[in-house]
């Protein structure tokens, strides 16, 4: 079994859990933030919805220069955010399914102009900057939901709101 084939079930599971969480975002509370240094709920949800697209950059290019990337626009509705997430997730799964072991061992670089943040194998980028990043921000979003009395979905077993 290839590395990509062994990662796909995990990624599919995490994407599904993320979509369930995003679907609960109350747009009427978009400006909520638990602390002045925290992102607003809308900014966090929009960022989380975009994370799967990073798999495309990682798997389809040798590098990404953040100086050449425009910031993402905030979602305008729950439906549009979920549609963007679904498109990003589909592209990410397609890119991962097509990746060979050689592709996943190839180096990938993240930079901002002349400043190189890191170069590491694509598999490490997928794990740290895509999978783990997705899980991290999804966890943050579940706290935002809880603080706003929005039922938190069951993710790895029951939640206090779902058996």
N, C-alpha and C. Protein backbone atom coordinates (compact mmCIF):
# COMPACT_ATOMS: atom_id res chain seq x y z
N UNK A 1 0.85 -1.18 0.00
CA UNK A 1 0.00 0.00 0.00
C UNK A 1 0.89 1.24 0.00
N UNK A 2 0.51 2.20 -0.82
CA UNK A 2 1.29 3.45 -0.89
C UNK A 2 1.03 4.31 0.35
N UNK A 3 1.91 5.26 0.57
CA UNK A 3 1.74 6.20 1.68
C UNK A 3 0.43 6.96 1.51
N UNK A 4 0.16 7.44 0.30
CA UNK A 4 -1.06 8.21 0.06
C UNK A 4 -2.30 7.37 0.37
N UNK A 5 -2.29 6.12 -0.06
CA UNK A 5 -3.44 5.25 0.20
C UNK A 5 -3.63 5.02 1.70
N UNK A 6 -2.54 5.00 2.45
CA UNK A 6 -2.67 4.81 3.90
C UNK A 6 -3.14 6.09 4.59
N UNK A 7 -2.90 7.25 4.00
CA UNK A 7 -3.33 8.52 4.59
C UNK A 7 -4.77 8.89 4.25
N UNK A 8 -5.26 8.42 3.11
CA UNK A 8 -6.59 8.83 2.66
C UNK A 8 -7.71 8.57 3.67
N UNK A 9 -7.81 7.40 4.28
CA UNK A 9 -8.92 7.19 5.23
C UNK A 9 -8.88 8.18 6.40
N UNK A 10 -7.70 8.46 6.91
CA UNK A 10 -7.57 9.43 8.00
C UNK A 10 -7.99 10.82 7.55
N UNK A 11 -7.54 11.22 6.38
CA UNK A 11 -7.86 12.56 5.87
C UNK A 11 -9.36 12.68 5.61
N UNK A 12 -9.95 11.65 5.03
CA UNK A 12 -11.40 11.65 4.79
C UNK A 12 -12.16 11.80 6.11
N UNK A 13 -11.72 11.08 7.14
CA UNK A 13 -12.35 11.17 8.45
C UNK A 13 -12.24 12.58 9.02
N UNK A 14 -11.04 13.15 8.96
CA UNK A 14 -10.83 14.50 9.52
C UNK A 14 -11.60 15.55 8.73
N UNK A 15 -11.67 15.41 7.42
CA UNK A 15 -12.44 16.35 6.62
C UNK A 15 -13.93 16.26 6.97
N UNK A 16 -14.43 15.06 7.17
CA UNK A 16 -15.83 14.89 7.55
C UNK A 16 -16.14 15.54 8.90
N UNK A 17 -15.25 15.33 9.87
CA UNK A 17 -15.43 15.96 11.18
C UNK A 17 -15.36 17.48 11.08
N UNK A 18 -14.50 17.96 10.22
CA UNK A 18 -14.37 19.40 10.05
C UNK A 18 -15.62 19.97 9.42
N UNK A 19 -16.15 19.30 8.42
CA UNK A 19 -17.37 19.80 7.78
C UNK A 19 -18.52 19.83 8.78
N UNK A 20 -18.65 18.78 9.62
CA UNK A 20 -19.71 18.76 10.63
C UNK A 20 -19.58 19.97 11.56
N UNK A 21 -18.36 20.32 11.92
CA UNK A 21 -18.12 21.45 12.82
C UNK A 21 -18.42 22.76 12.12
N UNK A 22 -17.94 22.92 10.89
CA UNK A 22 -18.21 24.15 10.14
C UNK A 22 -19.70 24.37 9.93
N UNK A 23 -20.45 23.30 9.73
CA UNK A 23 -21.88 23.41 9.47
C UNK A 23 -22.65 23.99 10.66
N UNK A 24 -22.03 24.03 11.82
CA UNK A 24 -22.69 24.55 13.02
C UNK A 24 -22.40 26.03 13.28
N UNK A 25 -21.55 26.64 12.47
CA UNK A 25 -21.16 28.03 12.70
C UNK A 25 -22.39 28.95 12.58
N UNK A 26 -22.69 29.67 13.66
CA UNK A 26 -23.82 30.60 13.61
C UNK A 26 -23.37 31.94 13.03
N UNK A 27 -23.72 32.19 11.80
CA UNK A 27 -23.25 33.42 11.14
C UNK A 27 -23.74 34.68 11.84
N UNK A 28 -24.84 34.58 12.60
CA UNK A 28 -25.30 35.75 13.34
C UNK A 28 -24.36 36.11 14.49
N UNK A 29 -23.42 35.22 14.80
CA UNK A 29 -22.42 35.49 15.85
C UNK A 29 -21.02 35.55 15.24
N UNK A 30 -20.95 35.98 13.99
CA UNK A 30 -19.68 35.99 13.24
C UNK A 30 -18.60 36.81 13.93
N UNK A 31 -18.97 37.87 14.63
CA UNK A 31 -17.97 38.75 15.24
C UNK A 31 -17.52 38.29 16.62
N UNK A 32 -18.09 37.17 17.12
CA UNK A 32 -17.69 36.68 18.43
C UNK A 32 -16.21 36.34 18.46
N UNK A 33 -15.54 36.76 19.53
CA UNK A 33 -14.17 36.33 19.79
C UNK A 33 -14.00 36.22 21.29
N UNK A 34 -13.43 35.11 21.75
CA UNK A 34 -13.32 34.88 23.19
C UNK A 34 -12.30 35.77 23.89
N UNK A 35 -11.44 36.39 23.12
CA UNK A 35 -10.38 37.23 23.66
C UNK A 35 -9.98 38.21 22.57
N UNK A 36 -9.55 39.42 22.93
CA UNK A 36 -9.16 40.38 21.88
C UNK A 36 -8.03 39.90 20.97
N UNK A 37 -7.20 38.97 21.44
CA UNK A 37 -6.12 38.45 20.60
C UNK A 37 -6.58 37.27 19.74
N UNK A 38 -7.79 36.79 19.97
CA UNK A 38 -8.32 35.65 19.22
C UNK A 38 -8.96 36.13 17.93
N UNK A 39 -9.03 35.22 16.95
CA UNK A 39 -9.76 35.50 15.72
C UNK A 39 -11.25 35.57 16.03
N UNK A 40 -11.98 36.27 15.18
CA UNK A 40 -13.44 36.20 15.29
C UNK A 40 -13.89 34.82 14.84
N UNK A 41 -15.12 34.47 15.19
CA UNK A 41 -15.64 33.18 14.78
C UNK A 41 -15.62 33.06 13.25
N UNK A 42 -16.01 34.13 12.56
CA UNK A 42 -16.04 34.07 11.10
C UNK A 42 -14.63 33.93 10.51
N UNK A 43 -13.67 34.65 11.06
CA UNK A 43 -12.30 34.53 10.56
C UNK A 43 -11.75 33.13 10.79
N UNK A 44 -12.01 32.57 11.98
CA UNK A 44 -11.54 31.22 12.29
C UNK A 44 -12.21 30.19 11.38
N UNK A 45 -13.52 30.29 11.22
CA UNK A 45 -14.24 29.34 10.37
C UNK A 45 -13.78 29.45 8.92
N UNK A 46 -13.60 30.67 8.43
CA UNK A 46 -13.13 30.86 7.06
C UNK A 46 -11.73 30.29 6.86
N UNK A 47 -10.87 30.49 7.85
CA UNK A 47 -9.52 29.94 7.78
C UNK A 47 -9.58 28.41 7.77
N UNK A 48 -10.38 27.85 8.66
CA UNK A 48 -10.52 26.39 8.73
C UNK A 48 -11.05 25.82 7.43
N UNK A 49 -12.01 26.49 6.83
CA UNK A 49 -12.58 26.03 5.56
C UNK A 49 -11.55 26.03 4.43
N UNK A 50 -10.54 26.87 4.56
CA UNK A 50 -9.51 26.99 3.53
C UNK A 50 -8.35 26.01 3.70
N UNK A 51 -8.14 25.50 4.89
CA UNK A 51 -6.96 24.66 5.15
C UNK A 51 -6.83 23.48 4.18
N UNK A 52 -7.89 22.77 3.80
CA UNK A 52 -7.69 21.66 2.86
C UNK A 52 -7.06 22.07 1.53
N UNK A 53 -7.27 23.32 1.13
CA UNK A 53 -6.67 23.76 -0.14
C UNK A 53 -5.14 23.76 -0.06
N UNK A 54 -4.61 23.81 1.15
CA UNK A 54 -3.15 23.78 1.30
C UNK A 54 -2.57 22.46 0.81
N UNK A 55 -3.35 21.40 0.89
CA UNK A 55 -2.86 20.11 0.37
C UNK A 55 -2.60 20.21 -1.12
N UNK A 56 -3.42 20.98 -1.82
CA UNK A 56 -3.20 21.16 -3.26
C UNK A 56 -1.87 21.86 -3.52
N UNK A 57 -1.61 22.95 -2.80
CA UNK A 57 -0.33 23.65 -2.96
C UNK A 57 0.82 22.70 -2.68
N UNK A 58 0.68 21.95 -1.59
CA UNK A 58 1.76 21.06 -1.17
C UNK A 58 2.03 19.96 -2.19
N UNK A 59 0.99 19.38 -2.71
CA UNK A 59 1.15 18.21 -3.59
C UNK A 59 1.33 18.56 -5.06
N UNK A 60 0.94 19.74 -5.46
CA UNK A 60 0.98 20.09 -6.89
C UNK A 60 2.06 21.10 -7.26
N UNK A 61 2.74 21.65 -6.26
CA UNK A 61 3.80 22.62 -6.53
C UNK A 61 5.02 22.30 -5.68
N UNK A 62 6.21 22.76 -6.07
CA UNK A 62 7.40 22.50 -5.26
C UNK A 62 7.56 23.48 -4.11
N UNK A 63 6.77 24.58 -4.14
CA UNK A 63 6.93 25.60 -3.10
C UNK A 63 5.75 26.56 -3.15
N UNK A 64 5.69 27.38 -2.11
CA UNK A 64 4.69 28.45 -2.08
C UNK A 64 5.35 29.68 -1.48
N UNK A 65 5.27 30.78 -2.21
CA UNK A 65 5.75 32.07 -1.74
C UNK A 65 4.53 32.86 -1.30
N UNK A 66 4.38 33.04 0.00
CA UNK A 66 3.20 33.72 0.53
C UNK A 66 3.09 35.17 0.06
N UNK A 67 4.18 35.74 -0.41
CA UNK A 67 4.14 37.11 -0.93
C UNK A 67 3.34 37.18 -2.22
N UNK A 68 3.11 36.04 -2.86
CA UNK A 68 2.37 36.03 -4.13
C UNK A 68 0.90 35.62 -3.96
N UNK A 69 0.47 35.39 -2.72
CA UNK A 69 -0.87 34.89 -2.46
C UNK A 69 -1.74 36.00 -1.88
N UNK A 70 -2.92 36.16 -2.42
CA UNK A 70 -3.88 37.13 -1.88
C UNK A 70 -4.56 36.53 -0.67
N UNK A 71 -4.87 37.37 0.33
CA UNK A 71 -5.58 36.83 1.49
C UNK A 71 -6.98 36.35 1.10
N UNK A 72 -7.46 35.35 1.81
CA UNK A 72 -8.80 34.84 1.54
C UNK A 72 -9.84 35.84 2.00
N UNK A 73 -10.91 35.92 1.25
CA UNK A 73 -12.02 36.78 1.65
C UNK A 73 -12.88 36.02 2.65
N UNK A 74 -13.47 36.76 3.57
CA UNK A 74 -14.34 36.14 4.57
C UNK A 74 -15.57 35.54 3.89
N UNK A 75 -16.01 34.40 4.36
CA UNK A 75 -17.22 33.80 3.80
C UNK A 75 -18.41 34.74 3.99
N UNK A 76 -19.33 34.72 3.05
CA UNK A 76 -20.50 35.61 3.13
C UNK A 76 -21.73 34.87 3.65
N UNK A 77 -21.69 33.54 3.66
CA UNK A 77 -22.81 32.76 4.16
C UNK A 77 -22.31 31.37 4.54
N UNK A 78 -23.09 30.70 5.34
CA UNK A 78 -22.74 29.33 5.70
C UNK A 78 -22.69 28.45 4.46
N UNK A 79 -23.63 28.63 3.56
CA UNK A 79 -23.67 27.82 2.35
C UNK A 79 -22.44 28.02 1.48
N UNK A 80 -22.02 29.29 1.33
CA UNK A 80 -20.83 29.55 0.50
C UNK A 80 -19.57 29.03 1.16
N UNK A 81 -19.49 29.13 2.49
CA UNK A 81 -18.32 28.61 3.20
C UNK A 81 -18.24 27.09 3.04
N UNK A 82 -19.37 26.41 3.20
CA UNK A 82 -19.37 24.96 3.05
C UNK A 82 -19.06 24.55 1.61
N UNK A 83 -19.54 25.31 0.65
CA UNK A 83 -19.23 25.01 -0.76
C UNK A 83 -17.74 25.18 -1.02
N UNK A 84 -17.15 26.24 -0.47
CA UNK A 84 -15.70 26.45 -0.62
C UNK A 84 -14.93 25.31 0.04
N UNK A 85 -15.36 24.92 1.24
CA UNK A 85 -14.71 23.82 1.94
C UNK A 85 -14.81 22.53 1.12
N UNK A 86 -16.02 22.25 0.62
CA UNK A 86 -16.22 21.02 -0.16
C UNK A 86 -15.33 20.99 -1.40
N UNK A 87 -15.20 22.12 -2.07
CA UNK A 87 -14.35 22.20 -3.26
C UNK A 87 -12.88 21.99 -2.88
N UNK A 88 -12.45 22.64 -1.80
CA UNK A 88 -11.06 22.49 -1.35
C UNK A 88 -10.80 21.05 -0.93
N UNK A 89 -11.73 20.45 -0.20
CA UNK A 89 -11.56 19.06 0.25
C UNK A 89 -11.50 18.10 -0.93
N UNK A 90 -12.37 18.29 -1.92
CA UNK A 90 -12.36 17.41 -3.09
C UNK A 90 -11.03 17.52 -3.83
N UNK A 91 -10.54 18.73 -4.01
CA UNK A 91 -9.24 18.92 -4.67
C UNK A 91 -8.10 18.30 -3.88
N UNK A 92 -8.17 18.44 -2.56
CA UNK A 92 -7.12 17.87 -1.71
C UNK A 92 -7.12 16.35 -1.79
N UNK A 93 -8.30 15.75 -1.74
CA UNK A 93 -8.38 14.29 -1.83
C UNK A 93 -7.92 13.77 -3.18
N UNK A 94 -8.26 14.51 -4.23
CA UNK A 94 -7.81 14.13 -5.57
C UNK A 94 -6.29 14.20 -5.67
N UNK A 95 -5.72 15.27 -5.15
CA UNK A 95 -4.26 15.43 -5.20
C UNK A 95 -3.56 14.35 -4.38
N UNK A 96 -4.10 14.05 -3.20
CA UNK A 96 -3.48 13.02 -2.37
C UNK A 96 -3.61 11.65 -3.01
N UNK A 97 -4.77 11.34 -3.57
CA UNK A 97 -4.97 10.03 -4.21
C UNK A 97 -4.00 9.81 -5.38
N UNK A 98 -3.61 10.90 -6.04
CA UNK A 98 -2.70 10.80 -7.18
C UNK A 98 -1.23 10.82 -6.79
N UNK A 99 -0.93 11.14 -5.54
CA UNK A 99 0.47 11.28 -5.11
C UNK A 99 1.16 9.92 -4.98
N UNK A 100 2.37 9.86 -5.48
CA UNK A 100 3.20 8.66 -5.32
C UNK A 100 4.05 8.80 -4.07
N UNK A 101 4.64 7.71 -3.64
CA UNK A 101 5.56 7.78 -2.50
C UNK A 101 6.71 8.74 -2.81
N UNK A 102 7.17 8.70 -4.05
CA UNK A 102 8.24 9.62 -4.46
C UNK A 102 7.79 11.07 -4.32
N UNK A 103 6.56 11.37 -4.76
CA UNK A 103 6.02 12.72 -4.61
C UNK A 103 6.01 13.15 -3.14
N UNK A 104 5.61 12.25 -2.26
CA UNK A 104 5.47 12.58 -0.85
C UNK A 104 6.81 12.73 -0.14
N UNK A 105 7.86 12.14 -0.69
CA UNK A 105 9.19 12.31 -0.11
C UNK A 105 9.93 13.52 -0.68
N UNK A 106 9.41 14.11 -1.74
CA UNK A 106 10.05 15.27 -2.36
C UNK A 106 9.98 16.49 -1.44
N UNK A 107 11.01 17.33 -1.48
CA UNK A 107 11.00 18.52 -0.62
C UNK A 107 9.99 19.56 -1.10
N UNK A 108 9.47 20.31 -0.13
CA UNK A 108 8.53 21.39 -0.41
C UNK A 108 8.93 22.57 0.47
N UNK A 109 8.85 23.78 -0.09
CA UNK A 109 9.33 24.98 0.61
C UNK A 109 8.22 26.00 0.77
N UNK A 110 8.15 26.58 1.96
CA UNK A 110 7.26 27.70 2.24
C UNK A 110 8.12 28.93 2.50
N UNK A 111 7.81 30.02 1.80
CA UNK A 111 8.60 31.24 1.95
C UNK A 111 7.70 32.46 1.88
N UNK A 112 8.32 33.59 2.20
CA UNK A 112 7.69 34.90 2.04
C UNK A 112 8.77 35.76 1.42
N UNK A 113 8.70 35.87 0.10
CA UNK A 113 9.76 36.57 -0.61
C UNK A 113 11.07 35.80 -0.44
N UNK A 114 12.09 36.50 0.02
CA UNK A 114 13.41 35.87 0.21
C UNK A 114 13.51 35.06 1.50
N UNK A 115 12.57 35.26 2.43
CA UNK A 115 12.62 34.55 3.71
C UNK A 115 12.02 33.15 3.56
N UNK A 116 12.85 32.13 3.76
CA UNK A 116 12.38 30.74 3.70
C UNK A 116 12.00 30.32 5.12
N UNK A 117 10.76 29.91 5.29
CA UNK A 117 10.30 29.45 6.60
C UNK A 117 10.72 28.02 6.85
N UNK A 118 10.57 27.17 5.83
CA UNK A 118 11.02 25.79 5.97
C UNK A 118 11.05 25.12 4.61
N UNK A 119 11.84 24.05 4.56
CA UNK A 119 11.82 23.09 3.46
C UNK A 119 11.80 21.73 4.13
N UNK A 120 10.80 20.93 3.78
CA UNK A 120 10.71 19.58 4.33
C UNK A 120 9.95 18.69 3.36
N UNK A 121 10.01 17.38 3.57
CA UNK A 121 9.29 16.48 2.67
C UNK A 121 7.79 16.79 2.68
N UNK A 122 7.17 16.62 1.53
CA UNK A 122 5.74 16.90 1.42
C UNK A 122 4.92 16.13 2.46
N UNK A 123 5.30 14.90 2.76
CA UNK A 123 4.56 14.11 3.75
C UNK A 123 4.56 14.82 5.10
N UNK A 124 5.67 15.43 5.47
CA UNK A 124 5.75 16.17 6.73
C UNK A 124 4.91 17.44 6.68
N UNK A 125 4.88 18.08 5.53
CA UNK A 125 4.05 19.28 5.36
C UNK A 125 2.57 18.89 5.49
N UNK A 126 2.18 17.80 4.85
CA UNK A 126 0.78 17.35 4.95
C UNK A 126 0.40 17.08 6.39
N UNK A 127 1.26 16.38 7.10
CA UNK A 127 0.96 16.04 8.50
C UNK A 127 0.88 17.30 9.38
N UNK A 128 1.89 18.14 9.30
CA UNK A 128 1.96 19.28 10.22
C UNK A 128 1.11 20.47 9.78
N UNK A 129 1.22 20.87 8.54
CA UNK A 129 0.58 22.11 8.09
C UNK A 129 -0.82 21.90 7.52
N UNK A 130 -1.20 20.66 7.25
CA UNK A 130 -2.56 20.41 6.75
C UNK A 130 -3.34 19.61 7.80
N UNK A 131 -3.00 18.36 8.03
CA UNK A 131 -3.78 17.52 8.95
C UNK A 131 -3.82 18.11 10.35
N UNK A 132 -2.65 18.32 10.96
CA UNK A 132 -2.61 18.82 12.34
C UNK A 132 -3.18 20.23 12.45
N UNK A 133 -2.94 21.04 11.46
CA UNK A 133 -3.44 22.42 11.45
C UNK A 133 -4.98 22.40 11.40
N UNK A 134 -5.52 21.53 10.58
CA UNK A 134 -6.97 21.37 10.46
C UNK A 134 -7.57 20.97 11.82
N UNK A 135 -6.97 19.99 12.46
CA UNK A 135 -7.46 19.50 13.75
C UNK A 135 -7.34 20.58 14.82
N UNK A 136 -6.24 21.29 14.83
CA UNK A 136 -6.01 22.36 15.81
C UNK A 136 -7.10 23.43 15.72
N UNK A 137 -7.33 23.96 14.53
CA UNK A 137 -8.31 25.03 14.39
C UNK A 137 -9.74 24.51 14.56
N UNK A 138 -9.98 23.26 14.21
CA UNK A 138 -11.31 22.70 14.46
C UNK A 138 -11.56 22.63 15.97
N UNK A 139 -10.55 22.26 16.74
CA UNK A 139 -10.67 22.26 18.19
C UNK A 139 -10.99 23.65 18.73
N UNK A 140 -10.31 24.65 18.21
CA UNK A 140 -10.61 26.02 18.62
C UNK A 140 -12.06 26.36 18.32
N UNK A 141 -12.52 25.99 17.13
CA UNK A 141 -13.88 26.33 16.73
C UNK A 141 -14.90 25.64 17.63
N UNK A 142 -14.62 24.42 18.08
CA UNK A 142 -15.58 23.76 18.98
C UNK A 142 -15.70 24.53 20.29
N UNK A 143 -14.62 25.14 20.76
CA UNK A 143 -14.69 25.96 21.97
C UNK A 143 -15.56 27.19 21.71
N UNK A 144 -15.37 27.83 20.56
CA UNK A 144 -16.21 28.98 20.21
C UNK A 144 -17.69 28.57 20.19
N UNK A 145 -17.97 27.41 19.60
CA UNK A 145 -19.35 26.93 19.55
C UNK A 145 -19.89 26.74 20.97
N UNK A 146 -19.14 26.05 21.80
CA UNK A 146 -19.56 25.80 23.18
C UNK A 146 -19.84 27.11 23.91
N UNK A 147 -18.97 28.10 23.75
CA UNK A 147 -19.14 29.38 24.43
C UNK A 147 -20.39 30.13 23.95
N UNK A 148 -20.92 29.73 22.80
CA UNK A 148 -22.11 30.37 22.26
C UNK A 148 -23.33 29.46 22.32
N UNK A 149 -23.25 28.43 23.15
CA UNK A 149 -24.36 27.48 23.33
C UNK A 149 -24.82 26.82 22.04
N UNK A 150 -23.87 26.60 21.14
CA UNK A 150 -24.15 25.87 19.91
C UNK A 150 -23.73 24.42 20.16
N UNK A 151 -24.59 23.45 19.90
CA UNK A 151 -24.22 22.05 20.15
C UNK A 151 -22.94 21.66 19.40
N UNK A 152 -22.05 21.04 20.13
CA UNK A 152 -20.76 20.61 19.57
C UNK A 152 -20.95 19.20 19.00
N UNK A 153 -20.52 18.99 17.75
CA UNK A 153 -20.70 17.66 17.16
C UNK A 153 -19.79 16.62 17.80
N UNK A 154 -20.25 15.38 17.78
CA UNK A 154 -19.41 14.26 18.18
C UNK A 154 -18.34 14.10 17.10
N UNK A 155 -17.08 14.01 17.51
CA UNK A 155 -15.99 13.92 16.54
C UNK A 155 -15.23 12.61 16.64
N UNK A 156 -14.76 12.25 17.83
CA UNK A 156 -14.02 11.01 18.03
C UNK A 156 -14.77 10.07 18.98
N UNK A 157 -15.98 10.37 19.22
CA UNK A 157 -16.84 9.68 20.15
C UNK A 157 -17.90 10.68 20.53
N UNK A 158 -18.72 10.36 21.51
CA UNK A 158 -19.80 11.26 21.88
C UNK A 158 -19.30 12.62 22.36
N UNK A 159 -20.09 13.65 22.12
CA UNK A 159 -19.84 14.94 22.75
C UNK A 159 -20.88 15.11 23.85
N UNK A 160 -20.79 16.18 24.60
CA UNK A 160 -21.80 16.44 25.63
C UNK A 160 -23.16 16.72 25.02
N UNK A 161 -23.17 16.99 23.70
CA UNK A 161 -24.41 17.33 23.01
C UNK A 161 -24.96 16.20 22.14
N UNK A 162 -24.11 15.24 21.82
CA UNK A 162 -24.54 14.14 20.95
C UNK A 162 -24.03 12.83 21.53
N UNK A 163 -24.92 11.87 21.65
CA UNK A 163 -24.51 10.56 22.17
C UNK A 163 -23.81 9.77 21.09
